[in-house]
Amino acid sequence: MKIVVTSSGTTLEAQAHPAFGRCPTYLFIDTDTMQFEAVENPAANAAGGAGIQAAQFVVERGAQAVVTGNVGPNAFKVLQPAGVPIYLFEGGTVRQAVEAYKAGELSASGGASRPAHAGMGSGRGTPSREEEIAVLRETARELRKQVAEVMERLDRLGAGTSTEGE
């Protein structure tokens, strides 16, 4: 079976990410062979509608189930009619999420687990300090990665890092 797990990284040992629509990476995993493909979430930095875009993306890529920490109502409205069940995972590595899924230890979500437009947080109202710190750290890590990639591209193009007129 092909499932998708929201992830903070690109390997099975990466931490599972608590948010569906704005996670940095999706790991599409064959639960029989444990072969996987890590795919950047194209909706992670969307100005709006990240949940809908993300849900459409995973459905189009053939996910038969989603394992995540939280899912909003808009994403749920896309996944449910597509026949893609959502399983909630409290935290740990992607591998642990898959193993819990395979063992039948995860509860299926009968609806959205966070309110619409929740942004950061856990869907239980105001995010805890620890949740907000974790999300902010992950966002900072991703931004550093993006800046490094832009700088590398500039260097390859011979543009360097200085601005005109310096």
Protein backbone atom coordinates (compact mmCIF):
# COMPACT_ATOMS: atom_id res chain seq x y z
CA MET A 1 0.00 0.00 0.00
CA LYS A 2 1.23 3.49 -0.83
CA ILE A 3 0.92 5.91 2.07
CA VAL A 4 2.24 9.42 2.61
CA VAL A 5 3.78 10.62 5.87
CA THR A 6 4.36 14.30 6.60
CA SER A 7 8.04 14.77 7.31
CA SER A 8 10.63 17.28 8.46
CA GLY A 9 13.28 15.61 6.31
CA THR A 10 13.93 13.28 3.41
CA THR A 11 14.62 9.92 5.08
CA LEU A 12 12.71 7.36 7.11
CA GLU A 13 14.71 8.48 10.16
CA ALA A 14 13.53 12.10 9.84
CA GLN A 15 11.04 13.39 12.36
CA ALA A 16 7.43 13.14 11.27
CA HIS A 17 6.04 16.65 10.86
CA PRO A 18 2.97 17.64 12.88
CA ALA A 19 1.25 19.66 10.12
CA PHE A 20 -0.19 18.31 6.89
CA GLY A 21 -0.52 21.36 4.66
CA ARG A 22 2.69 23.12 5.58
CA CYS A 23 5.11 20.28 6.21
CA PRO A 24 8.36 20.66 4.24
CA THR A 25 8.40 17.14 2.78
CA TYR A 26 6.10 14.24 2.00
CA LEU A 27 7.47 10.72 2.09
CA PHE A 28 5.47 8.43 -0.19
CA ILE A 29 6.10 4.95 1.17
CA ASP A 30 5.27 1.46 -0.04
CA THR A 31 4.32 -0.21 3.24
CA ASP A 32 5.15 -3.69 1.87
CA THR A 33 8.72 -2.94 0.77
CA MET A 34 9.47 0.26 2.74
CA GLN A 35 10.74 1.82 -0.47
CA PHE A 36 10.01 5.53 -0.44
CA GLU A 37 10.22 8.73 -2.37
CA ALA A 38 10.78 12.07 -0.63
CA VAL A 39 8.98 14.93 -2.36
CA GLU A 40 9.07 18.59 -1.39
CA ASN A 41 5.64 19.93 -0.45
CA PRO A 42 4.77 22.39 -3.22
CA ALA A 43 2.19 24.08 -0.96
CA ALA A 44 4.45 24.57 2.09
CA ASN A 45 4.99 28.27 1.41
CA ALA A 46 1.67 29.05 -0.26
CA ALA A 47 0.16 32.37 0.74
CA GLY A 48 -3.19 30.67 1.22
CA GLY A 49 -4.94 27.40 0.54
CA ALA A 50 -1.96 25.26 1.53
CA GLY A 51 -4.16 22.46 2.88
CA ILE A 52 -6.23 22.18 -0.28
CA GLN A 53 -3.18 22.32 -2.56
CA ALA A 54 -1.31 19.78 -0.45
CA ALA A 55 -4.28 17.40 -0.37
CA GLN A 56 -4.73 17.61 -4.14
CA PHE A 57 -1.02 16.95 -4.57
CA VAL A 58 -0.95 13.78 -2.46
CA VAL A 59 -4.15 12.47 -4.07
CA GLU A 60 -2.71 13.07 -7.57
CA ARG A 61 0.46 11.19 -6.56
CA GLY A 62 -1.58 8.14 -5.61
CA ALA A 63 -1.47 8.18 -1.81
CA GLN A 64 -3.91 5.62 -0.39
CA ALA A 65 -3.63 6.94 3.18
CA VAL A 66 -2.14 9.95 4.98
CA VAL A 67 -0.24 9.78 8.27
CA THR A 68 0.21 13.17 9.93
CA GLY A 69 -0.10 15.00 13.22
CA ASN A 70 -2.93 17.32 12.21
CA VAL A 71 -5.08 18.06 9.21
CA GLY A 72 -7.31 21.08 8.64
CA PRO A 73 -10.90 21.06 7.40
CA ASN A 74 -10.07 22.18 3.86
CA ALA A 75 -7.56 19.39 3.33
CA PHE A 76 -9.99 16.94 4.92
CA LYS A 77 -12.67 18.02 2.43
CA VAL A 78 -10.33 17.05 -0.42
CA LEU A 79 -8.99 13.81 1.06
CA GLN A 80 -12.29 12.35 2.30
CA PRO A 81 -14.17 12.27 -1.04
CA ALA A 82 -11.01 10.95 -2.72
CA GLY A 83 -11.17 7.95 -0.37
CA VAL A 84 -7.86 8.76 1.32
CA PRO A 85 -8.12 8.09 5.07
CA ILE A 86 -6.13 10.18 7.52
CA TYR A 87 -4.31 8.60 10.46
CA LEU A 88 -3.04 10.73 13.31
CA PHE A 89 0.50 10.23 14.59
CA GLU A 90 1.60 11.98 17.77
CA GLY A 91 5.33 12.19 17.05
CA GLY A 92 8.50 10.30 16.32
CA THR A 93 10.30 9.35 13.13
CA VAL A 94 8.69 8.63 9.78
CA ARG A 95 9.73 4.98 10.18
CA GLN A 96 7.95 4.83 13.55
CA ALA A 97 4.85 6.36 11.94
CA VAL A 98 4.84 3.69 9.22
CA GLU A 99 5.38 0.90 11.73
CA ALA A 100 2.53 2.22 13.90
CA TYR A 101 0.31 2.42 10.81
CA LYS A 102 1.18 -1.14 9.77
CA ALA A 103 0.51 -2.41 13.31
CA GLY A 104 -2.93 -0.76 13.36
CA GLU A 105 -1.94 1.48 16.26
CA LEU A 106 -3.00 4.80 14.70
CA SER A 107 -6.47 6.23 15.00
CA ALA A 108 -8.27 7.27 11.84
CA SER A 109 -9.42 10.86 11.84
CA GLY A 110 -13.14 11.23 11.35
CA GLY A 111 -12.74 14.92 10.60
CA ALA A 112 -10.35 17.81 10.71
CA SER A 113 -8.05 17.77 13.71
CA ARG A 114 -7.34 21.50 13.62
CA PRO A 115 -9.47 24.55 12.83
CA ALA A 116 -9.45 26.34 9.50
CA HIS A 117 -6.57 28.78 9.04
CA ALA A 118 -4.85 27.51 12.16
CA GLY A 119 -1.42 28.39 10.82
CA MET A 120 1.06 27.28 13.42
CA GLY A 121 -0.09 25.14 16.27
CA SER A 122 -1.70 21.89 17.13
CA GLY A 123 -5.34 22.46 16.36
CA ARG A 124 -6.17 22.67 20.07
CA GLY A 125 -6.50 26.46 20.04
CA THR A 126 -3.38 28.42 20.91
CA PRO A 127 -0.22 26.40 20.26
CA SER A 128 1.89 25.46 23.23
CA ARG A 129 5.22 27.23 23.62
CA GLU A 130 7.04 23.99 22.71
CA GLU A 131 4.93 23.48 19.57
CA GLU A 132 5.49 27.02 18.41
CA ILE A 133 9.24 26.76 19.05
CA ALA A 134 9.40 23.48 17.10
CA VAL A 135 7.53 24.96 14.14
CA LEU A 136 9.64 28.12 14.19
CA ARG A 137 12.87 26.11 14.35
CA GLU A 138 11.75 24.00 11.41
CA THR A 139 10.80 27.11 9.46
CA ALA A 140 14.19 28.68 10.20
CA ARG A 141 15.97 25.49 9.09
CA GLU A 142 14.04 25.46 5.83
CA LEU A 143 14.71 29.17 5.22
CA ARG A 144 18.45 28.67 5.83
CA LYS A 145 18.38 25.81 3.33
CA GLN A 146 16.57 27.97 0.76
CA VAL A 147 19.02 30.86 1.23
CA ALA A 148 21.97 28.48 0.83
CA GLU A 149 20.47 27.12 -2.40
CA VAL A 150 19.91 30.64 -3.77
CA MET A 151 23.47 31.66 -2.89
CA GLU A 152 24.84 28.52 -4.55
CA ARG A 153 22.86 29.27 -7.71
CA LEU A 154 24.12 32.86 -7.72
CA ASP A 155 27.70 31.60 -7.37
CA ARG A 156 27.19 29.13 -10.26
CA LEU A 157 25.86 31.95 -12.42
CA GLY A 158 28.92 34.03 -11.57
CA ALA A 159 26.81 36.64 -9.86
CA GLY A 160 28.54 36.22 -6.51
CA THR A 161 26.99 37.56 -3.33
CA SER A 162 27.75 41.27 -3.71
CA THR A 163 25.21 43.74 -5.00
CA GLU A 164 25.75 46.15 -7.87
CA GLY A 165 27.56 49.33 -6.98
CA GLU A 166 29.59 47.87 -4.12
